[in-house]
Amino acid sequence: MLTLPGRLVVIYNPLSSRAHAVERRVLEPLTRAGITFSECVVQSEPVTRTAAMIAGFLQEYDTVLVAAGDGTAHAAVNGVLKSGFIHVQIGFLGYGNFNDAAHNYNAFGTVRDALKFLQRAKVREVYPLEITIGEKFFRYGLISATLGWTAKAAARFEIPAVRSRVRTGFGYLPKSLFGMFRYYISSRERSLLPAFRINYRPQTEATDILCINAKRFARIMRTKASGEADTFLLRQLDVRSLFKSLPLLVGSVVFGKMRSKGVHMARLEFEPTAAVTLQIDGEIVVLASGSIIEIAKSDQYLQLLSTR
């Protein structure tokens, strides 16, 4: 069993679609096992507000168990780093519509089982992405930050009607992929990013900029990235041509390899011709025309609990 130096804090949303599963597979087993824990209850609110609430709830030496999806995991990561406590440990159980955080760091059998997770988890030092907009700190990102069509596609799943359609019945993943493909067909030709520079160098036309800091992202894409390294993967993409996109899709989904460059920092400058959509671990932000964004490996690290 993992040694708990302080409190065990379970973060979850009692109004989420998976709340009953959290009660049955996390809260009740912990109680039956005689493990004392504190509940940090969150709601579907903006990341800034949720992160601030979590930061205020935490104490030094807490062990945080996030029983939720990537949205709450994202807020929890920012809350832990915002708290300033350097001995807080954080782990993820997958109880959301998207669970990249849990799948990246947990072995099969411990993605949702709280007791097995606590029995097998070990601490890893993981350095997140640090995103700055207009010279001002904006957010930390554990898994990825993307700009362009992929960010707009992710934003589709924040529309209540779309979320409701893919949640109902069986086959969530096939329905998600089918919905994504329909959106791709209808939007790919008008998805070009404004002209931009990376680290002051002009770039060729692209629809997307991908900054990847983990082995899995967007549920099915796999890479060789590691949050423990001092670099992240930087890749440009043009989705207007399905044929040209196939090598990336096949390499990443089938073989777990995505050809890209490892960098420590990327400064992105966009011409003031159109707004740009940014996605950070599922959080969607529409940036003003002509924005300057810096994405870098943070000097701060998380004491992240992993069963891999």
Protein backbone atom coordinates (compact mmCIF):
# COMPACT_ATOMS: atom_id res chain seq x y z
CA MET A 1 0.00 0.00 0.00
CA LEU A 2 1.21 3.50 -0.85
CA THR A 3 2.48 5.34 2.21
CA LEU A 4 0.30 8.39 2.83
CA PRO A 5 2.38 11.14 4.46
CA GLY A 6 -0.71 13.25 5.12
CA ARG A 7 -4.39 13.33 4.21
CA LEU A 8 -5.90 11.38 1.34
CA VAL A 9 -8.01 13.84 -0.66
CA VAL A 10 -10.54 12.53 -3.20
CA ILE A 11 -11.58 15.09 -5.82
CA TYR A 12 -14.79 14.38 -7.72
CA ASN A 13 -17.92 15.97 -9.14
CA PRO A 14 -21.11 14.56 -7.54
CA LEU A 15 -23.21 15.90 -10.44
CA SER A 16 -21.19 14.27 -13.21
CA SER A 17 -22.55 11.44 -15.36
CA ARG A 18 -20.11 9.03 -13.63
CA ALA A 19 -20.86 10.11 -10.03
CA HIS A 20 -22.59 6.84 -9.10
CA ALA A 21 -19.59 4.85 -10.35
CA VAL A 22 -17.28 7.02 -8.23
CA GLU A 23 -19.45 6.33 -5.19
CA ARG A 24 -19.50 2.59 -5.86
CA ARG A 25 -15.89 2.00 -6.92
CA VAL A 26 -13.94 4.69 -5.06
CA LEU A 27 -15.68 6.15 -2.01
CA GLU A 28 -17.36 2.99 -0.73
CA PRO A 29 -14.29 0.68 -1.13
CA LEU A 30 -12.08 3.22 0.66
CA THR A 31 -14.58 3.41 3.51
CA ARG A 32 -14.89 -0.39 3.78
CA ALA A 33 -11.09 -0.69 3.84
CA GLY A 34 -10.93 1.71 6.78
CA ILE A 35 -8.99 4.35 4.84
CA THR A 36 -9.79 7.84 6.04
CA PHE A 37 -10.15 10.46 3.31
CA SER A 38 -11.33 14.00 2.78
CA GLU A 39 -13.72 14.86 -0.06
CA CYS A 40 -12.99 17.86 -2.27
CA VAL A 41 -16.21 18.33 -4.24
CA VAL A 42 -16.02 20.27 -7.50
CA GLN A 43 -18.59 21.41 -10.04
CA SER A 44 -18.55 22.16 -13.75
CA GLU A 45 -17.00 25.61 -13.47
CA PRO A 46 -14.19 27.46 -15.29
CA VAL A 47 -10.72 26.00 -14.74
CA THR A 48 -9.43 29.14 -13.02
CA ARG A 49 -12.15 29.01 -10.36
CA THR A 50 -11.91 25.26 -9.78
CA ALA A 51 -8.11 25.35 -9.57
CA ALA A 52 -8.25 28.18 -7.04
CA MET A 53 -10.78 26.26 -4.92
CA ILE A 54 -8.62 23.11 -4.98
CA ALA A 55 -5.48 25.11 -4.12
CA GLY A 56 -7.26 26.58 -1.10
CA PHE A 57 -8.43 23.14 0.05
CA LEU A 58 -5.02 21.46 -0.05
CA GLN A 59 -2.46 21.07 2.72
CA GLU A 60 1.21 20.17 2.52
CA TYR A 61 1.79 16.39 2.29
CA ASP A 62 -1.70 15.68 0.92
CA THR A 63 -2.17 12.75 -1.47
CA VAL A 64 -4.70 13.78 -4.10
CA LEU A 65 -6.81 11.20 -5.93
CA VAL A 66 -8.78 12.71 -8.82
CA ALA A 67 -11.77 10.45 -9.59
CA ALA A 68 -13.02 12.26 -12.67
CA GLY A 69 -12.23 12.99 -16.31
CA ASP A 70 -9.59 15.10 -17.97
CA GLY A 71 -11.37 18.40 -17.29
CA THR A 72 -11.24 17.98 -13.52
CA ALA A 73 -7.77 16.43 -13.75
CA HIS A 74 -6.60 19.57 -15.60
CA ALA A 75 -8.04 21.83 -12.90
CA ALA A 76 -6.49 19.66 -10.17
CA VAL A 77 -3.02 19.83 -11.75
CA ASN A 78 -3.27 23.61 -11.85
CA GLY A 79 -4.62 23.68 -8.30
CA VAL A 80 -1.74 21.59 -6.95
CA LEU A 81 0.85 23.79 -8.66
CA LYS A 82 -0.97 26.98 -7.65
CA SER A 83 -1.01 25.86 -3.99
CA GLY A 84 2.78 26.15 -3.77
CA PHE A 85 3.02 22.94 -1.73
CA ILE A 86 5.96 20.88 -2.97
CA HIS A 87 5.14 17.62 -1.18
CA VAL A 88 1.62 17.07 -2.52
CA GLN A 89 1.19 13.85 -4.52
CA ILE A 90 -1.46 13.54 -7.25
CA GLY A 91 -2.94 10.55 -9.09
CA PHE A 92 -5.83 10.04 -11.51
CA LEU A 93 -8.70 7.56 -11.78
CA GLY A 94 -10.62 7.64 -15.07
CA TYR A 95 -14.25 8.60 -14.43
CA GLY A 96 -14.93 11.03 -17.26
CA ASN A 97 -15.81 11.05 -20.94
CA PHE A 98 -12.11 11.47 -21.72
CA ASN A 99 -9.48 9.98 -19.41
CA ASP A 100 -6.07 10.61 -20.98
CA ALA A 101 -4.54 11.50 -17.60
CA ALA A 102 -5.59 8.18 -16.04
CA HIS A 103 -4.61 6.07 -19.07
CA ASN A 104 -1.24 7.75 -19.46
CA TYR A 105 -0.05 6.93 -15.96
CA ASN A 106 -2.00 3.85 -14.89
CA ALA A 107 -1.63 0.21 -15.86
CA PHE A 108 -4.62 -1.88 -16.87
CA GLY A 109 -6.69 -2.80 -13.82
CA THR A 110 -5.83 0.35 -11.89
CA VAL A 111 -7.44 2.99 -14.11
CA ARG A 112 -10.63 3.01 -11.99
CA ASP A 113 -9.93 0.77 -8.98
CA ALA A 114 -8.99 3.02 -6.05
CA LEU A 115 -7.63 0.27 -3.77
CA LYS A 116 -5.51 -1.39 -6.45
CA PHE A 117 -4.24 2.05 -7.46
CA LEU A 118 -3.13 2.89 -3.92
CA GLN A 119 -1.53 -0.54 -3.54
CA ARG A 120 0.58 -0.25 -6.69
CA ALA A 121 1.22 3.47 -7.22
CA LYS A 122 4.72 4.91 -7.13
CA VAL A 123 5.80 8.53 -7.35
CA ARG A 124 7.22 9.97 -10.58
CA GLU A 125 8.45 13.51 -11.15
CA VAL A 126 6.58 14.89 -14.17
CA TYR A 127 7.16 18.35 -15.61
CA PRO A 128 4.05 19.89 -17.20
CA LEU A 129 3.80 22.40 -20.02
CA GLU A 130 3.64 26.04 -18.98
CA ILE A 131 1.54 28.23 -21.27
CA THR A 132 2.00 32.00 -21.46
CA ILE A 133 -0.25 34.29 -23.49
CA GLY A 134 0.90 37.83 -24.25
CA GLU A 135 3.84 37.58 -21.82
CA LYS A 136 1.47 36.63 -18.97
CA PHE A 137 1.23 33.18 -17.39
CA PHE A 138 -2.02 31.47 -18.35
CA ARG A 139 -2.09 27.76 -17.49
CA TYR A 140 -0.21 24.50 -16.91
CA GLY A 141 -0.94 21.52 -19.15
CA LEU A 142 -0.05 17.95 -18.24
CA ILE A 143 -0.84 16.17 -21.53
CA SER A 144 -1.05 18.53 -24.50
CA ALA A 145 -1.63 21.98 -25.90
CA THR A 146 -2.90 22.26 -29.47
CA LEU A 147 -3.89 25.14 -31.71
CA GLY A 148 -6.12 25.11 -34.78
CA TRP A 149 -8.49 22.49 -36.14
CA THR A 150 -7.81 19.89 -33.42
CA ALA A 151 -8.69 22.46 -30.76
CA LYS A 152 -11.91 23.37 -32.60
CA ALA A 153 -12.79 19.68 -32.91
CA ALA A 154 -12.29 19.24 -29.15
CA ALA A 155 -14.54 22.25 -28.58
CA ARG A 156 -17.34 20.39 -30.36
CA PHE A 157 -17.58 17.99 -27.42
CA GLU A 158 -18.25 20.90 -25.07
CA ILE A 159 -21.56 21.57 -26.87
CA PRO A 160 -24.29 20.06 -24.64
CA ALA A 161 -26.25 18.53 -27.54
CA VAL A 162 -23.13 16.83 -28.92
CA ARG A 163 -22.08 15.49 -25.50
CA SER A 164 -25.58 14.15 -24.93
CA ARG A 165 -25.62 12.27 -28.26
CA VAL A 166 -22.32 10.49 -27.69
CA ARG A 167 -23.03 9.68 -24.03
CA THR A 168 -26.31 7.83 -24.57
CA GLY A 169 -26.34 4.08 -25.16
CA PHE A 170 -23.28 2.00 -25.88
CA GLY A 171 -20.23 2.62 -28.04
CA TYR A 172 -19.02 5.99 -26.78
CA LEU A 173 -15.69 5.79 -28.63
CA PRO A 174 -17.13 4.78 -32.04
CA LYS A 175 -19.76 7.52 -31.79
CA SER A 176 -17.10 10.06 -30.82
CA LEU A 177 -14.89 9.07 -33.75
CA PHE A 178 -17.80 9.11 -36.19
CA GLY A 179 -18.84 12.57 -35.00
CA MET A 180 -15.25 13.75 -35.33
CA PHE A 181 -15.05 12.40 -38.89
CA ARG A 182 -18.26 14.19 -39.89
CA TYR A 183 -16.91 17.43 -38.47
CA TYR A 184 -13.62 16.85 -40.31
CA ILE A 185 -15.36 16.46 -43.67
CA SER A 186 -17.37 19.65 -43.17
CA SER A 187 -14.60 21.87 -41.77
CA ARG A 188 -11.19 20.80 -43.09
CA GLU A 189 -11.11 23.15 -46.09
CA ARG A 190 -11.59 26.26 -43.95
CA SER A 191 -9.28 25.38 -41.10
CA LEU A 192 -6.00 27.04 -42.12
CA LEU A 193 -4.22 28.90 -39.32
CA PRO A 194 -3.20 32.54 -39.84
CA ALA A 195 0.40 32.98 -40.97
CA PHE A 196 2.66 32.33 -38.00
CA ARG A 197 6.23 32.08 -36.78
CA ILE A 198 7.77 29.59 -34.36
CA ASN A 199 10.73 30.95 -32.40
CA TYR A 200 10.82 33.91 -34.82
CA ARG A 201 11.04 31.73 -37.95
CA PRO A 202 8.24 31.92 -40.55
CA GLN A 203 6.46 28.59 -41.08
CA THR A 204 4.69 26.92 -43.98
CA GLU A 205 0.91 26.71 -44.10
CA ALA A 206 -0.65 24.52 -41.42
CA THR A 207 -4.02 23.87 -39.85
CA ASP A 208 -2.63 22.71 -36.50
CA ILE A 209 0.24 23.04 -34.08
CA LEU A 210 0.58 20.12 -31.64
CA CYS A 211 2.57 20.30 -28.39
CA ILE A 212 2.53 16.86 -26.78
CA ASN A 213 3.86 16.08 -23.30
CA ALA A 214 2.67 12.48 -22.77
CA LYS A 215 2.54 9.10 -24.46
CA ARG A 216 -1.21 9.29 -25.14
CA PHE A 217 -3.41 12.17 -26.20
CA ALA A 218 -6.82 12.64 -27.83
CA ARG A 219 -7.72 9.19 -26.48
CA ILE A 220 -6.31 7.12 -29.38
CA MET A 221 -3.11 8.91 -30.43
CA ARG A 222 0.19 7.57 -29.05
CA THR A 223 3.70 9.00 -29.06
CA LYS A 224 7.13 8.47 -27.53
CA ALA A 225 6.82 11.61 -25.41
CA SER A 226 7.41 11.60 -21.66
CA GLY A 227 6.45 14.26 -19.16
CA GLU A 228 9.61 13.35 -17.26
CA ALA A 229 11.86 14.60 -20.07
CA ASP A 230 12.99 18.23 -20.39
CA THR A 231 11.43 18.52 -23.86
CA PHE A 232 7.99 18.05 -25.42
CA LEU A 233 7.03 17.03 -28.94
CA LEU A 234 6.28 19.82 -31.41
CA ARG A 235 4.51 18.98 -34.66
CA GLN A 236 2.71 20.95 -37.37
CA LEU A 237 -0.15 19.37 -39.26
CA ASP A 238 -2.24 20.13 -42.33
CA VAL A 239 -5.53 18.25 -42.10
CA ARG A 240 -6.94 19.66 -45.33
CA SER A 241 -5.64 16.57 -47.13
CA LEU A 242 -6.73 13.24 -45.64
CA PHE A 243 -4.12 11.47 -47.78
CA LYS A 244 -1.28 13.62 -46.37
CA SER A 245 -2.59 13.13 -42.82
CA LEU A 246 -2.67 9.32 -43.03
CA PRO A 247 1.03 8.73 -42.19
CA LEU A 248 0.61 10.66 -38.94
CA LEU A 249 -2.65 8.90 -38.04
CA VAL A 250 -1.41 5.41 -38.87
CA GLY A 251 1.97 5.93 -37.22
CA SER A 252 0.47 7.37 -34.04
CA VAL A 253 -2.63 5.20 -33.63
CA VAL A 254 -1.23 1.86 -34.87
CA PHE A 255 2.49 2.01 -34.11
CA GLY A 256 2.63 4.58 -31.31
CA LYS A 257 5.13 6.75 -33.17
CA MET A 258 4.64 10.35 -34.23
CA ARG A 259 7.44 12.01 -36.17
CA SER A 260 8.10 15.32 -34.46
CA LYS A 261 10.78 17.48 -32.93
CA GLY A 262 11.66 17.58 -29.24
CA VAL A 263 11.86 21.16 -27.96
CA HIS A 264 12.06 22.86 -24.57
CA MET A 265 10.13 25.97 -25.61
CA ALA A 266 8.11 27.22 -28.57
CA ARG A 267 7.20 30.88 -29.10
CA LEU A 268 4.23 31.14 -31.46
CA GLU A 269 3.43 34.46 -33.13
CA PHE A 270 0.33 34.78 -35.32
CA GLU A 271 -0.45 37.44 -37.89
CA PRO A 272 -3.42 39.64 -36.87
CA THR A 273 -5.81 38.24 -39.48
CA ALA A 274 -8.04 35.89 -37.47
CA ALA A 275 -8.65 34.47 -34.00
CA VAL A 276 -6.96 31.18 -33.05
CA THR A 277 -8.45 28.37 -30.95
CA LEU A 278 -6.23 26.87 -28.24
CA GLN A 279 -6.86 23.58 -26.41
CA ILE A 280 -5.05 22.67 -23.17
CA ASP A 281 -5.97 19.24 -21.80
CA GLY A 282 -9.57 19.74 -22.94
CA GLU A 283 -9.88 23.39 -21.90
CA ILE A 284 -10.84 25.56 -24.90
CA VAL A 285 -9.69 29.16 -25.27
CA VAL A 286 -10.31 31.45 -28.26
CA LEU A 287 -7.31 33.77 -28.60
CA ALA A 288 -7.47 37.27 -29.97
CA SER A 289 -6.14 37.97 -33.42
CA GLY A 290 -2.36 38.47 -33.46
CA SER A 291 -1.73 36.62 -30.19
CA ILE A 292 1.72 35.57 -29.01
CA ILE A 293 1.83 32.28 -27.11
CA GLU A 294 4.80 30.64 -25.41
CA ILE A 295 4.63 26.95 -24.55
CA ALA A 296 7.54 25.62 -22.51
CA LYS A 297 8.46 22.85 -20.12
CA SER A 298 7.86 24.17 -16.63
CA ASP A 299 10.58 24.34 -14.00
CA GLN A 300 7.98 23.11 -11.49
CA TYR A 301 7.22 19.42 -11.32
CA LEU A 302 4.38 17.28 -10.04
CA GLN A 303 4.85 14.35 -7.68
CA LEU A 304 2.65 12.20 -9.84
CA LEU A 305 1.36 8.80 -8.74
CA SER A 306 1.60 6.13 -11.43
CA THR A 307 1.06 2.37 -11.63
CA ARG A 308 3.00 1.99 -14.88
